[in-house]
Amino acid sequence: MENSIWDALLPVVREAVDDLIRSGRRLHAVKLIREARPGPRPRLSDAVDVMSERAAELGC
């Protein structure tokens, strides 16, 4: 997945986001993406897009 927001997350955070998505906790995944990204927080809609793309890749 090529996305500047996803790429900026630490590997441990990416794993946590994947775990949240797999367990059906998508809102928590979006929250983590927004809070864990270094620098300014991404817009909510951008974080939702990242989560949706990742969920599609994971087949969830």
PDB file of N, CA and C in Angstrom:
ATOM      1  N   MET A   1       0.860  -1.174   0.000  1.00  0.00           N
ATOM      2  CA  MET A   1       0.000   0.000   0.000  1.00  0.00           C
ATOM      3  C   MET A   1       0.898   1.225   0.000  1.00  0.00           C
ATOM      4  N   GLU A   2       0.687   2.093  -0.967  1.00  0.00           N
ATOM      5  CA  GLU A   2       1.443   3.335  -1.022  1.00  0.00           C
ATOM      6  C   GLU A   2       0.552   4.486  -0.583  1.00  0.00           C
ATOM      7  N   ASN A   3       0.894   5.037   0.572  1.00  0.00           N
ATOM      8  CA  ASN A   3       0.137   6.145   1.125  1.00  0.00           C
ATOM      9  C   ASN A   3       1.056   6.857   2.096  1.00  0.00           C
ATOM     10  N   SER A   4       1.173   8.168   1.964  1.00  0.00           N
ATOM     11  CA  SER A   4       2.116   8.908   2.809  1.00  0.00           C
ATOM     12  C   SER A   4       1.740   8.836   4.286  1.00  0.00           C
ATOM     13  N   ILE A   5       0.461   8.765   4.589  1.00  0.00           N
ATOM     14  CA  ILE A   5       0.040   8.659   5.988  1.00  0.00           C
ATOM     15  C   ILE A   5       0.448   7.293   6.531  1.00  0.00           C
ATOM     16  N   TRP A   6       0.142   6.235   5.788  1.00  0.00           N
ATOM     17  CA  TRP A   6       0.497   4.875   6.207  1.00  0.00           C
ATOM     18  C   TRP A   6       2.013   4.732   6.319  1.00  0.00           C
ATOM     19  N   ASP A   7       2.732   5.268   5.342  1.00  0.00           N
ATOM     20  CA  ASP A   7       4.197   5.160   5.332  1.00  0.00           C
ATOM     21  C   ASP A   7       4.841   5.859   6.523  1.00  0.00           C
ATOM     22  N   ALA A   8       4.207   6.895   7.050  1.00  0.00           N
ATOM     23  CA  ALA A   8       4.766   7.645   8.173  1.00  0.00           C
ATOM     24  C   ALA A   8       4.582   6.939   9.516  1.00  0.00           C
ATOM     25  N   LEU A   9       3.693   5.947   9.567  1.00  0.00           N
ATOM     26  CA  LEU A   9       3.450   5.237  10.829  1.00  0.00           C
ATOM     27  C   LEU A   9       4.577   4.261  11.128  1.00  0.00           C
ATOM     28  N   LEU A  10       4.891   4.125  12.396  1.00  0.00           N
ATOM     29  CA  LEU A  10       5.888   3.146  12.815  1.00  0.00           C
ATOM     30  C   LEU A  10       5.370   1.735  12.563  1.00  0.00           C
ATOM     31  N   PRO A  11       6.261   0.787  12.309  1.00  0.00           N
ATOM     32  CA  PRO A  11       5.826  -0.595  12.065  1.00  0.00           C
ATOM     33  C   PRO A  11       4.944  -1.161  13.178  1.00  0.00           C
ATOM     34  N   VAL A  12       5.243  -0.853  14.415  1.00  0.00           N
ATOM     35  CA  VAL A  12       4.436  -1.366  15.530  1.00  0.00           C
ATOM     36  C   VAL A  12       3.023  -0.797  15.483  1.00  0.00           C
ATOM     37  N   VAL A  13       2.889   0.437  15.042  1.00  0.00           N
ATOM     38  CA  VAL A  13       1.568   1.064  14.918  1.00  0.00           C
ATOM     39  C   VAL A  13       0.808   0.434  13.756  1.00  0.00           C
ATOM     40  N   ARG A  14       1.501   0.169  12.661  1.00  0.00           N
ATOM     41  CA  ARG A  14       0.855  -0.497  11.522  1.00  0.00           C
ATOM     42  C   ARG A  14       0.300  -1.856  11.937  1.00  0.00           C
ATOM     43  N   GLU A  15       1.072  -2.593  12.698  1.00  0.00           N
ATOM     44  CA  GLU A  15       0.611  -3.899  13.180  1.00  0.00           C
ATOM     45  C   GLU A  15      -0.629  -3.748  14.055  1.00  0.00           C
ATOM     46  N   ALA A  16      -0.614  -2.740  14.925  1.00  0.00           N
ATOM     47  CA  ALA A  16      -1.760  -2.510  15.808  1.00  0.00           C
ATOM     48  C   ALA A  16      -2.995  -2.128  14.997  1.00  0.00           C
ATOM     49  N   VAL A  17      -2.815  -1.309  13.965  1.00  0.00           N
ATOM     50  CA  VAL A  17      -3.931  -0.927  13.099  1.00  0.00           C
ATOM     51  C   VAL A  17      -4.486  -2.167  12.404  1.00  0.00           C
ATOM     52  N   ASP A  18      -3.601  -3.006  11.885  1.00  0.00           N
ATOM     53  CA  ASP A  18      -4.046  -4.244  11.230  1.00  0.00           C
ATOM     54  C   ASP A  18      -4.837  -5.123  12.198  1.00  0.00           C
ATOM     55  N   ASP A  19      -4.346  -5.248  13.421  1.00  0.00           N
ATOM     56  CA  ASP A  19      -5.043  -6.059  14.427  1.00  0.00           C
ATOM     57  C   ASP A  19      -6.432  -5.499  14.720  1.00  0.00           C
ATOM     58  N   LEU A  20      -6.530  -4.180  14.824  1.00  0.00           N
ATOM     59  CA  LEU A  20      -7.827  -3.553  15.076  1.00  0.00           C
ATOM     60  C   LEU A  20      -8.792  -3.793  13.920  1.00  0.00           C
ATOM     61  N   ILE A  21      -8.294  -3.667  12.708  1.00  0.00           N
ATOM     62  CA  ILE A  21      -9.137  -3.886  11.534  1.00  0.00           C
ATOM     63  C   ILE A  21      -9.619  -5.338  11.500  1.00  0.00           C
ATOM     64  N   ARG A  22      -8.703  -6.264  11.733  1.00  0.00           N
ATOM     65  CA  ARG A  22      -9.067  -7.684  11.705  1.00  0.00           C
ATOM     66  C   ARG A  22     -10.102  -8.030  12.769  1.00  0.00           C
ATOM     67  N   SER A  23     -10.068  -7.330  13.892  1.00  0.00           N
ATOM     68  CA  SER A  23     -11.020  -7.615  14.974  1.00  0.00           C
ATOM     69  C   SER A  23     -12.312  -6.800  14.839  1.00  0.00           C
ATOM     70  N   GLY A  24     -12.457  -6.073  13.722  1.00  0.00           N
ATOM     71  CA  GLY A  24     -13.685  -5.320  13.481  1.00  0.00           C
ATOM     72  C   GLY A  24     -13.760  -3.985  14.187  1.00  0.00           C
ATOM     73  N   ARG A  25     -12.654  -3.525  14.712  1.00  0.00           N
ATOM     74  CA  ARG A  25     -12.645  -2.261  15.451  1.00  0.00           C
ATOM     75  C   ARG A  25     -12.099  -1.140  14.567  1.00  0.00           C
ATOM     76  N   ARG A  26     -12.808  -0.886  13.503  1.00  0.00           N
ATOM     77  CA  ARG A  26     -12.337   0.064  12.492  1.00  0.00           C
ATOM     78  C   ARG A  26     -12.267   1.499  12.998  1.00  0.00           C
ATOM     79  N   LEU A  27     -13.208   1.903  13.821  1.00  0.00           N
ATOM     80  CA  LEU A  27     -13.147   3.270  14.367  1.00  0.00           C
ATOM     81  C   LEU A  27     -11.910   3.459  15.232  1.00  0.00           C
ATOM     82  N   HIS A  28     -11.561   2.437  16.001  1.00  0.00           N
ATOM     83  CA  HIS A  28     -10.355   2.511  16.815  1.00  0.00           C
ATOM     84  C   HIS A  28      -9.117   2.577  15.922  1.00  0.00           C
ATOM     85  N   ALA A  29      -9.154   1.875  14.807  1.00  0.00           N
ATOM     86  CA  ALA A  29      -8.039   1.916  13.863  1.00  0.00           C
ATOM     87  C   ALA A  29      -7.860   3.325  13.296  1.00  0.00           C
ATOM     88  N   VAL A  30      -8.963   3.963  12.946  1.00  0.00           N
ATOM     89  CA  VAL A  30      -8.904   5.332  12.424  1.00  0.00           C
ATOM     90  C   VAL A  30      -8.337   6.262  13.488  1.00  0.00           C
ATOM     91  N   LYS A  31      -8.790   6.113  14.702  1.00  0.00           N
ATOM     92  CA  LYS A  31      -8.304   6.949  15.802  1.00  0.00           C
ATOM     93  C   LYS A  31      -6.805   6.770  15.994  1.00  0.00           C
ATOM     94  N   LEU A  32      -6.343   5.535  15.955  1.00  0.00           N
ATOM     95  CA  LEU A  32      -4.917   5.266  16.117  1.00  0.00           C
ATOM     96  C   LEU A  32      -4.118   5.870  14.972  1.00  0.00           C
ATOM     97  N   ILE A  33      -4.606   5.741  13.752  1.00  0.00           N
ATOM     98  CA  ILE A  33      -3.913   6.336  12.605  1.00  0.00           C
ATOM     99  C   ILE A  33      -3.755   7.833  12.799  1.00  0.00           C
ATOM    100  N   ARG A  34      -4.801   8.497  13.258  1.00  0.00           N
ATOM    101  CA  ARG A  34      -4.743   9.948  13.438  1.00  0.00           C
ATOM    102  C   ARG A  34      -3.816  10.352  14.581  1.00  0.00           C
ATOM    103  N   GLU A  35      -3.853   9.591  15.677  1.00  0.00           N
ATOM    104  CA  GLU A  35      -3.085   9.979  16.860  1.00  0.00           C
ATOM    105  C   GLU A  35      -1.618   9.593  16.770  1.00  0.00           C
ATOM    106  N   ALA A  36      -1.307   8.529  16.057  1.00  0.00           N
ATOM    107  CA  ALA A  36       0.065   8.009  16.058  1.00  0.00           C
ATOM    108  C   ALA A  36       0.928   8.592  14.948  1.00  0.00           C
ATOM    109  N   ARG A  37       0.337   9.237  13.989  1.00  0.00           N
ATOM    110  CA  ARG A  37       1.128   9.781  12.890  1.00  0.00           C
ATOM    111  C   ARG A  37       1.954  10.957  13.394  1.00  0.00           C
ATOM    112  N   PRO A  38       3.258  10.938  13.091  1.00  0.00           N
ATOM    113  CA  PRO A  38       4.088  12.083  13.494  1.00  0.00           C
ATOM    114  C   PRO A  38       3.681  13.332  12.709  1.00  0.00           C
ATOM    115  N   GLY A  39       3.878  14.472  13.324  1.00  0.00           N
ATOM    116  CA  GLY A  39       3.521  15.722  12.665  1.00  0.00           C
ATOM    117  C   GLY A  39       2.057  16.038  12.840  1.00  0.00           C
ATOM    118  N   PRO A  40       1.535  16.867  11.957  1.00  0.00           N
ATOM    119  CA  PRO A  40       0.116  17.241  12.071  1.00  0.00           C
ATOM    120  C   PRO A  40      -0.796  16.036  11.832  1.00  0.00           C
ATOM    121  N   ARG A  41      -1.892  16.019  12.553  1.00  0.00           N
ATOM    122  CA  ARG A  41      -2.855  14.925  12.399  1.00  0.00           C
ATOM    123  C   ARG A  41      -3.484  14.964  11.013  1.00  0.00           C
ATOM    124  N   PRO A  42      -3.642  13.802  10.408  1.00  0.00           N
ATOM    125  CA  PRO A  42      -4.356  13.785   9.132  1.00  0.00           C
ATOM    126  C   PRO A  42      -5.835  14.078   9.353  1.00  0.00           C
ATOM    127  N   ARG A  43      -6.481  14.568   8.327  1.00  0.00           N
ATOM    128  CA  ARG A  43      -7.920  14.806   8.414  1.00  0.00           C
ATOM    129  C   ARG A  43      -8.622  13.481   8.646  1.00  0.00           C
ATOM    130  N   LEU A  44      -9.774  13.543   9.268  1.00  0.00           N
ATOM    131  CA  LEU A  44     -10.546  12.345   9.559  1.00  0.00           C
ATOM    132  C   LEU A  44     -10.822  11.560   8.279  1.00  0.00           C
ATOM    133  N   SER A  45     -11.240  12.259   7.243  1.00  0.00           N
ATOM    134  CA  SER A  45     -11.565  11.574   5.987  1.00  0.00           C
ATOM    135  C   SER A  45     -10.343  10.871   5.404  1.00  0.00           C
ATOM    136  N   ASP A  46      -9.167  11.463   5.550  1.00  0.00           N
ATOM    137  CA  ASP A  46      -7.945  10.831   5.053  1.00  0.00           C
ATOM    138  C   ASP A  46      -7.608   9.582   5.853  1.00  0.00           C
ATOM    139  N   ALA A  47      -7.783   9.650   7.167  1.00  0.00           N
ATOM    140  CA  ALA A  47      -7.524   8.482   8.011  1.00  0.00           C
ATOM    141  C   ALA A  47      -8.508   7.360   7.706  1.00  0.00           C
ATOM    142  N   VAL A  48      -9.760   7.709   7.424  1.00  0.00           N
ATOM    143  CA  VAL A  48     -10.756   6.705   7.054  1.00  0.00           C
ATOM    144  C   VAL A  48     -10.367   6.055   5.731  1.00  0.00           C
ATOM    145  N   ASP A  49      -9.883   6.854   4.793  1.00  0.00           N
ATOM    146  CA  ASP A  49      -9.442   6.308   3.502  1.00  0.00           C
ATOM    147  C   ASP A  49      -8.291   5.320   3.687  1.00  0.00           C
ATOM    148  N   VAL A  50      -7.329   5.670   4.545  1.00  0.00           N
ATOM    149  CA  VAL A  50      -6.203   4.780   4.822  1.00  0.00           C
ATOM    150  C   VAL A  50      -6.709   3.475   5.413  1.00  0.00           C
ATOM    151  N   MET A  51      -7.590   3.574   6.392  1.00  0.00           N
ATOM    152  CA  MET A  51      -8.125   2.379   7.041  1.00  0.00           C
ATOM    153  C   MET A  51      -8.880   1.519   6.026  1.00  0.00           C
ATOM    154  N   SER A  52      -9.669   2.141   5.164  1.00  0.00           N
ATOM    155  CA  SER A  52     -10.438   1.400   4.166  1.00  0.00           C
ATOM    156  C   SER A  52      -9.529   0.686   3.170  1.00  0.00           C
ATOM    157  N   GLU A  53      -8.490   1.375   2.729  1.00  0.00           N
ATOM    158  CA  GLU A  53      -7.527   0.757   1.813  1.00  0.00           C
ATOM    159  C   GLU A  53      -6.845  -0.435   2.471  1.00  0.00           C
ATOM    160  N   ARG A  54      -6.468  -0.251   3.722  1.00  0.00           N
ATOM    161  CA  ARG A  54      -5.788  -1.334   4.439  1.00  0.00           C
ATOM    162  C   ARG A  54      -6.732  -2.510   4.663  1.00  0.00           C
ATOM    163  N   ALA A  55      -7.971  -2.235   5.013  1.00  0.00           N
ATOM    164  CA  ALA A  55      -8.955  -3.297   5.220  1.00  0.00           C
ATOM    165  C   ALA A  55      -9.147  -4.094   3.926  1.00  0.00           C
ATOM    166  N   ALA A  56      -9.173  -3.406   2.793  1.00  0.00           N
ATOM    167  CA  ALA A  56      -9.316  -4.091   1.516  1.00  0.00           C
ATOM    168  C   ALA A  56      -8.115  -4.992   1.252  1.00  0.00           C
ATOM    169  N   GLU A  57      -6.921  -4.504   1.572  1.00  0.00           N
ATOM    170  CA  GLU A  57      -5.715  -5.316   1.381  1.00  0.00           C
ATOM    171  C   GLU A  57      -5.724  -6.551   2.279  1.00  0.00           C
ATOM    172  N   LEU A  58      -6.267  -6.393   3.479  1.00  0.00           N
ATOM    173  CA  LEU A  58      -6.309  -7.503   4.427  1.00  0.00           C
ATOM    174  C   LEU A  58      -7.477  -8.437   4.139  1.00  0.00           C
ATOM    175  N   GLY A  59      -8.385  -8.023   3.265  1.00  0.00           N
ATOM    176  CA  GLY A  59      -9.549  -8.840   2.945  1.00  0.00           C
ATOM    177  C   GLY A  59     -10.596  -8.835   4.046  1.00  0.00           C
ATOM    178  N   CYS A  60     -10.655  -7.733   4.768  1.00  0.00           N
ATOM    179  CA  CYS A  60     -11.617  -7.621   5.877  1.00  0.00           C
ATOM    180  C   CYS A  60     -12.798  -6.748   5.493  1.00  0.00           C
TER     181      CYS A  60
END
